[in-house]
Amino acid sequence: DDFKPSGSLNQDEIEAAESSNSNSTVVEDIVDSILSSTRQGRNLDGFDDLYGDPSVQEVLQKGDDREARNIIKDKLCSLGLMQCDGEVIQGKRPYISPEDLVYAQPVDIKPIGRPIPSIPVKHP
């Protein structure tokens, strides 16, 4: 009973579905590029950690494309180079101009001595 006619889907659900479809297509294209580059004996720039992994090398040498695809996807996910299954895709965040951005430096404050009185700061 979770079926909704297409007219009752809200815009966010439609965008999420389209984004999911385009993401899976992009991932498949990347995996295809990695597999074809390996067959040609070359490495793609930016994927050095992937090519250096012994488990990926082993499965690529076996020639089993299905297993290779799964291992490559898992490795890309663990390296943070692609979105993992089950992760929720966040929508676009609002733009914040550089002038409005505030940086804060985290600090660790350790009390030394006993408390002393201080003068309150007056705001204009």
N, C-alpha and C. Protein backbone atom coordinates (compact mmCIF):
# COMPACT_ATOMS: atom_id res chain seq x y z
N ASP A 1 0.81 -1.20 0.00
CA ASP A 1 0.00 0.00 0.00
C ASP A 1 0.85 1.26 0.00
N ASP A 2 2.17 1.12 -0.18
CA ASP A 2 3.05 2.29 -0.23
C ASP A 2 3.06 2.94 -1.60
N PHE A 3 2.33 2.37 -2.56
CA PHE A 3 2.32 2.91 -3.91
C PHE A 3 1.63 4.26 -3.93
N LYS A 4 2.28 5.21 -4.61
CA LYS A 4 1.69 6.54 -4.77
C LYS A 4 1.60 6.81 -6.26
N PRO A 5 0.47 7.27 -6.74
CA PRO A 5 0.43 7.66 -8.14
C PRO A 5 1.39 8.81 -8.38
N SER A 6 1.92 8.90 -9.60
CA SER A 6 2.95 9.90 -9.87
C SER A 6 2.49 11.32 -9.59
N GLY A 7 1.21 11.59 -9.67
CA GLY A 7 0.70 12.93 -9.40
C GLY A 7 0.81 13.31 -7.94
N SER A 8 0.90 12.34 -7.02
CA SER A 8 0.93 12.67 -5.60
C SER A 8 2.35 12.69 -5.03
N LEU A 9 3.37 12.42 -5.84
CA LEU A 9 4.75 12.51 -5.35
C LEU A 9 5.13 13.97 -5.22
N ASN A 10 5.79 14.30 -4.12
CA ASN A 10 6.21 15.69 -3.99
C ASN A 10 7.53 15.90 -4.73
N GLN A 11 7.90 17.14 -4.93
CA GLN A 11 9.08 17.48 -5.72
C GLN A 11 10.36 16.89 -5.13
N ASP A 12 10.47 16.86 -3.79
CA ASP A 12 11.67 16.31 -3.15
C ASP A 12 11.84 14.83 -3.47
N GLU A 13 10.74 14.07 -3.45
CA GLU A 13 10.81 12.64 -3.75
C GLU A 13 11.22 12.41 -5.20
N ILE A 14 10.70 13.23 -6.11
CA ILE A 14 11.05 13.10 -7.52
C ILE A 14 12.52 13.41 -7.72
N GLU A 15 13.01 14.50 -7.11
CA GLU A 15 14.42 14.87 -7.24
C GLU A 15 15.34 13.82 -6.63
N ALA A 16 14.93 13.23 -5.49
CA ALA A 16 15.75 12.19 -4.85
C ALA A 16 15.84 10.96 -5.75
N ALA A 17 14.72 10.58 -6.38
CA ALA A 17 14.72 9.42 -7.27
C ALA A 17 15.60 9.68 -8.49
N GLU A 18 15.49 10.88 -9.08
CA GLU A 18 16.30 11.22 -10.24
C GLU A 18 17.78 11.27 -9.87
N SER A 19 18.08 11.82 -8.70
CA SER A 19 19.46 11.91 -8.24
C SER A 19 20.04 10.52 -8.01
N SER A 20 19.24 9.63 -7.44
CA SER A 20 19.69 8.26 -7.18
C SER A 20 19.99 7.54 -8.49
N ASN A 21 19.11 7.72 -9.49
CA ASN A 21 19.33 7.08 -10.78
C ASN A 21 20.58 7.63 -11.45
N SER A 22 20.77 8.94 -11.41
CA SER A 22 21.95 9.53 -12.05
C SER A 22 23.22 9.14 -11.30
N ASN A 23 23.16 9.03 -9.96
CA ASN A 23 24.34 8.62 -9.18
C ASN A 23 24.75 7.20 -9.53
N SER A 24 23.78 6.28 -9.65
CA SER A 24 24.12 4.90 -9.96
C SER A 24 24.70 4.81 -11.37
N THR A 25 24.20 5.64 -12.30
CA THR A 25 24.74 5.65 -13.65
C THR A 25 26.18 6.17 -13.65
N VAL A 26 26.44 7.21 -12.89
CA VAL A 26 27.79 7.77 -12.79
C VAL A 26 28.74 6.74 -12.18
N VAL A 27 28.29 6.06 -11.13
CA VAL A 27 29.13 5.04 -10.49
C VAL A 27 29.45 3.93 -11.47
N GLU A 28 28.44 3.48 -12.23
CA GLU A 28 28.67 2.43 -13.22
C GLU A 28 29.67 2.89 -14.28
N ASP A 29 29.57 4.15 -14.71
CA ASP A 29 30.52 4.69 -15.69
C ASP A 29 31.94 4.70 -15.13
N ILE A 30 32.08 5.08 -13.87
CA ILE A 30 33.41 5.12 -13.24
C ILE A 30 33.99 3.72 -13.13
N VAL A 31 33.16 2.77 -12.69
CA VAL A 31 33.63 1.38 -12.56
C VAL A 31 34.02 0.83 -13.93
N ASP A 32 33.22 1.14 -14.98
CA ASP A 32 33.56 0.71 -16.34
C ASP A 32 34.91 1.28 -16.77
N SER A 33 35.14 2.56 -16.46
CA SER A 33 36.41 3.20 -16.82
C SER A 33 37.58 2.53 -16.11
N ILE A 34 37.39 2.19 -14.84
CA ILE A 34 38.45 1.53 -14.07
C ILE A 34 38.75 0.16 -14.65
N LEU A 35 37.69 -0.61 -14.96
CA LEU A 35 37.89 -1.95 -15.53
C LEU A 35 38.57 -1.88 -16.90
N SER A 36 38.12 -0.97 -17.76
CA SER A 36 38.72 -0.89 -19.10
C SER A 36 40.16 -0.38 -19.04
N SER A 37 40.45 0.55 -18.13
CA SER A 37 41.82 1.04 -18.02
C SER A 37 42.75 -0.06 -17.53
N THR A 38 42.25 -0.91 -16.64
CA THR A 38 43.06 -2.02 -16.13
C THR A 38 43.36 -3.01 -17.25
N ARG A 39 42.36 -3.29 -18.07
CA ARG A 39 42.57 -4.21 -19.20
C ARG A 39 43.61 -3.65 -20.17
N GLN A 40 43.68 -2.32 -20.27
CA GLN A 40 44.62 -1.68 -21.19
C GLN A 40 45.99 -1.48 -20.54
N GLY A 41 46.12 -1.86 -19.27
CA GLY A 41 47.40 -1.76 -18.58
C GLY A 41 47.75 -0.37 -18.11
N ARG A 42 46.76 0.46 -17.85
CA ARG A 42 47.04 1.81 -17.36
C ARG A 42 46.17 2.10 -16.15
N ASN A 43 46.59 3.09 -15.37
CA ASN A 43 45.85 3.51 -14.19
C ASN A 43 45.25 4.88 -14.41
N LEU A 44 44.04 5.09 -13.91
CA LEU A 44 43.40 6.40 -13.98
C LEU A 44 43.93 7.27 -12.85
N ASP A 45 44.14 8.55 -13.14
CA ASP A 45 44.59 9.48 -12.11
C ASP A 45 43.54 9.60 -11.01
N GLY A 46 43.98 9.68 -9.77
CA GLY A 46 43.07 9.88 -8.64
C GLY A 46 42.60 8.59 -8.00
N PHE A 47 42.94 7.45 -8.60
CA PHE A 47 42.49 6.17 -8.04
C PHE A 47 43.68 5.30 -7.64
N ASP A 48 44.78 5.92 -7.25
CA ASP A 48 46.00 5.17 -6.91
C ASP A 48 45.77 4.21 -5.75
N ASP A 49 45.01 4.64 -4.73
CA ASP A 49 44.74 3.76 -3.59
C ASP A 49 43.96 2.53 -4.02
N LEU A 50 43.08 2.71 -4.98
CA LEU A 50 42.28 1.59 -5.48
C LEU A 50 43.16 0.58 -6.20
N TYR A 51 44.01 1.08 -7.10
CA TYR A 51 44.89 0.18 -7.85
C TYR A 51 45.93 -0.49 -6.95
N GLY A 52 46.31 0.15 -5.87
CA GLY A 52 47.31 -0.40 -4.97
C GLY A 52 46.79 -1.46 -4.03
N ASP A 53 45.48 -1.61 -3.94
CA ASP A 53 44.88 -2.59 -3.02
C ASP A 53 45.06 -4.00 -3.57
N PRO A 54 45.67 -4.91 -2.79
CA PRO A 54 45.91 -6.28 -3.27
C PRO A 54 44.63 -7.04 -3.62
N SER A 55 43.56 -6.83 -2.86
CA SER A 55 42.31 -7.55 -3.15
C SER A 55 41.72 -7.10 -4.48
N VAL A 56 41.85 -5.82 -4.80
CA VAL A 56 41.37 -5.31 -6.08
C VAL A 56 42.23 -5.88 -7.21
N GLN A 57 43.54 -5.89 -7.02
CA GLN A 57 44.44 -6.44 -8.03
C GLN A 57 44.14 -7.91 -8.31
N GLU A 58 43.91 -8.65 -7.23
CA GLU A 58 43.64 -10.09 -7.37
C GLU A 58 42.38 -10.34 -8.19
N VAL A 59 41.31 -9.63 -7.87
CA VAL A 59 40.04 -9.86 -8.57
C VAL A 59 40.10 -9.35 -10.01
N LEU A 60 40.88 -8.31 -10.26
CA LEU A 60 41.03 -7.82 -11.63
C LEU A 60 41.80 -8.82 -12.48
N GLN A 61 42.77 -9.51 -11.88
CA GLN A 61 43.55 -10.49 -12.61
C GLN A 61 42.73 -11.74 -12.92
N LYS A 62 41.75 -12.06 -12.06
CA LYS A 62 40.88 -13.22 -12.30
C LYS A 62 40.03 -13.02 -13.54
N GLY A 63 39.64 -11.77 -13.81
CA GLY A 63 38.83 -11.48 -14.99
C GLY A 63 37.34 -11.60 -14.77
N ASP A 64 36.89 -11.81 -13.52
CA ASP A 64 35.45 -11.89 -13.22
C ASP A 64 34.92 -10.47 -13.03
N ASP A 65 34.25 -9.94 -14.06
CA ASP A 65 33.80 -8.55 -14.02
C ASP A 65 32.78 -8.29 -12.92
N ARG A 66 31.89 -9.22 -12.68
CA ARG A 66 30.84 -9.00 -11.67
C ARG A 66 31.47 -8.86 -10.28
N GLU A 67 32.36 -9.78 -9.95
CA GLU A 67 33.04 -9.71 -8.65
C GLU A 67 33.93 -8.47 -8.57
N ALA A 68 34.59 -8.15 -9.68
CA ALA A 68 35.46 -6.97 -9.71
C ALA A 68 34.65 -5.70 -9.48
N ARG A 69 33.48 -5.61 -10.10
CA ARG A 69 32.62 -4.43 -9.92
C ARG A 69 32.24 -4.25 -8.45
N ASN A 70 31.85 -5.35 -7.80
CA ASN A 70 31.45 -5.26 -6.39
C ASN A 70 32.62 -4.84 -5.50
N ILE A 71 33.78 -5.41 -5.73
CA ILE A 71 34.94 -5.07 -4.90
C ILE A 71 35.37 -3.63 -5.16
N ILE A 72 35.34 -3.20 -6.42
CA ILE A 72 35.71 -1.82 -6.74
C ILE A 72 34.74 -0.85 -6.09
N LYS A 73 33.45 -1.14 -6.15
CA LYS A 73 32.45 -0.26 -5.51
C LYS A 73 32.68 -0.20 -4.00
N ASP A 74 32.93 -1.36 -3.38
CA ASP A 74 33.19 -1.38 -1.93
C ASP A 74 34.43 -0.57 -1.58
N LYS A 75 35.48 -0.71 -2.39
CA LYS A 75 36.72 0.01 -2.12
C LYS A 75 36.53 1.51 -2.31
N LEU A 76 35.83 1.92 -3.38
CA LEU A 76 35.55 3.34 -3.60
C LEU A 76 34.75 3.92 -2.45
N CYS A 77 33.81 3.13 -1.95
CA CYS A 77 32.98 3.55 -0.81
C CYS A 77 33.85 3.72 0.43
N SER A 78 34.72 2.73 0.71
CA SER A 78 35.54 2.80 1.92
C SER A 78 36.56 3.93 1.85
N LEU A 79 36.98 4.30 0.64
CA LEU A 79 37.91 5.42 0.47
C LEU A 79 37.20 6.77 0.49
N GLY A 80 35.87 6.73 0.50
CA GLY A 80 35.10 7.98 0.50
C GLY A 80 35.02 8.63 -0.87
N LEU A 81 35.28 7.86 -1.93
CA LEU A 81 35.25 8.41 -3.28
C LEU A 81 33.88 8.29 -3.94
N MET A 82 32.96 7.58 -3.30
CA MET A 82 31.60 7.49 -3.81
C MET A 82 30.65 7.29 -2.65
N GLN A 83 29.38 7.48 -2.92
CA GLN A 83 28.37 7.33 -1.88
C GLN A 83 28.09 5.85 -1.66
N CYS A 84 28.08 5.43 -0.42
CA CYS A 84 27.83 4.04 -0.08
C CYS A 84 26.34 3.74 -0.12
N ASP A 85 26.00 2.46 -0.34
CA ASP A 85 24.60 2.06 -0.30
C ASP A 85 24.03 2.34 1.07
N GLY A 86 22.81 2.82 1.12
CA GLY A 86 22.14 3.09 2.38
C GLY A 86 22.37 4.48 2.91
N GLU A 87 23.30 5.23 2.32
CA GLU A 87 23.51 6.60 2.75
C GLU A 87 22.44 7.49 2.14
N VAL A 88 21.98 8.41 2.91
CA VAL A 88 20.97 9.34 2.42
C VAL A 88 21.67 10.47 1.68
N ILE A 89 21.18 10.75 0.49
CA ILE A 89 21.75 11.84 -0.28
C ILE A 89 21.20 13.14 0.25
N GLN A 90 22.08 14.04 0.60
CA GLN A 90 21.65 15.34 1.09
C GLN A 90 21.41 16.25 -0.10
N GLY A 91 20.37 17.04 0.01
CA GLY A 91 20.08 18.00 -1.04
C GLY A 91 21.13 19.09 -1.07
N LYS A 92 21.01 19.96 -2.05
CA LYS A 92 21.96 21.06 -2.15
C LYS A 92 21.82 21.96 -0.94
N ARG A 93 22.95 22.36 -0.43
CA ARG A 93 22.95 23.26 0.71
C ARG A 93 22.87 24.69 0.19
N PRO A 94 22.29 25.58 0.98
CA PRO A 94 22.20 26.97 0.52
C PRO A 94 23.59 27.59 0.40
N TYR A 95 23.74 28.48 -0.54
CA TYR A 95 25.03 29.15 -0.76
C TYR A 95 25.28 30.16 0.35
N ILE A 96 26.48 30.14 0.87
CA ILE A 96 26.90 31.11 1.87
C ILE A 96 28.09 31.86 1.27
N SER A 97 27.95 33.16 1.14
CA SER A 97 29.03 33.94 0.54
C SER A 97 30.22 33.99 1.50
N PRO A 98 31.42 34.15 0.97
CA PRO A 98 32.62 34.18 1.83
C PRO A 98 32.57 35.27 2.89
N GLU A 99 31.90 36.39 2.59
CA GLU A 99 31.81 37.47 3.57
C GLU A 99 30.96 37.08 4.77
N ASP A 100 30.00 36.19 4.56
CA ASP A 100 29.10 35.78 5.64
C ASP A 100 29.63 34.59 6.44
N LEU A 101 30.69 33.97 5.96
CA LEU A 101 31.24 32.79 6.61
C LEU A 101 32.06 33.19 7.83
N VAL A 102 31.83 32.53 8.94
CA VAL A 102 32.56 32.81 10.18
C VAL A 102 33.36 31.57 10.55
N TYR A 103 34.65 31.74 10.76
CA TYR A 103 35.50 30.64 11.17
C TYR A 103 35.67 30.66 12.68
N ALA A 104 35.69 29.49 13.28
CA ALA A 104 35.89 29.39 14.72
C ALA A 104 37.01 28.39 14.97
N GLN A 105 37.89 28.72 15.87
CA GLN A 105 39.00 27.83 16.22
C GLN A 105 38.64 27.09 17.50
N PRO A 106 38.54 25.76 17.43
CA PRO A 106 38.26 25.03 18.67
C PRO A 106 39.46 25.13 19.62
N VAL A 107 39.17 25.31 20.89
CA VAL A 107 40.24 25.43 21.89
C VAL A 107 39.91 24.56 23.08
N ASP A 108 40.93 24.26 23.83
CA ASP A 108 40.77 23.50 25.07
C ASP A 108 41.15 24.45 26.20
N ILE A 109 40.19 24.79 27.04
CA ILE A 109 40.43 25.74 28.12
C ILE A 109 40.64 24.97 29.42
N LYS A 110 41.78 25.22 30.05
CA LYS A 110 42.07 24.58 31.32
C LYS A 110 42.17 25.67 32.38
N PRO A 111 41.37 25.57 33.44
CA PRO A 111 41.44 26.60 34.48
C PRO A 111 42.76 26.53 35.24
N ILE A 112 43.30 27.71 35.52
CA ILE A 112 44.53 27.81 36.30
C ILE A 112 44.26 28.80 37.42
N GLY A 113 44.42 28.38 38.65
CA GLY A 113 44.18 29.27 39.80
C GLY A 113 42.70 29.39 40.12
N ARG A 114 42.43 30.32 41.04
CA ARG A 114 41.04 30.50 41.46
C ARG A 114 40.38 31.58 40.61
N PRO A 115 39.03 31.60 40.55
CA PRO A 115 38.33 32.61 39.75
C PRO A 115 38.58 34.02 40.27
N ILE A 116 38.64 34.98 39.37
CA ILE A 116 38.82 36.39 39.74
C ILE A 116 37.67 37.20 39.11
N PRO A 117 37.32 38.34 39.72
CA PRO A 117 36.24 39.15 39.15
C PRO A 117 36.69 39.79 37.83
N SER A 118 35.73 39.99 36.96
CA SER A 118 36.04 40.63 35.68
C SER A 118 35.02 41.72 35.39
N ILE A 119 35.36 42.61 34.50
CA ILE A 119 34.47 43.71 34.14
C ILE A 119 33.63 43.27 32.95
N PRO A 120 32.30 43.42 33.04
CA PRO A 120 31.45 43.01 31.91
C PRO A 120 31.68 43.91 30.69
N VAL A 121 31.56 43.33 29.52
CA VAL A 121 31.74 44.08 28.27
C VAL A 121 30.41 44.72 27.91
N LYS A 122 30.45 46.04 27.63
CA LYS A 122 29.23 46.76 27.23
C LYS A 122 29.15 46.78 25.72
N HIS A 123 27.97 46.44 25.21
CA HIS A 123 27.75 46.47 23.77
C HIS A 123 27.15 47.81 23.38
N PRO A 124 27.60 48.45 22.29
CA PRO A 124 27.06 49.76 21.88
C PRO A 124 25.62 49.68 21.44
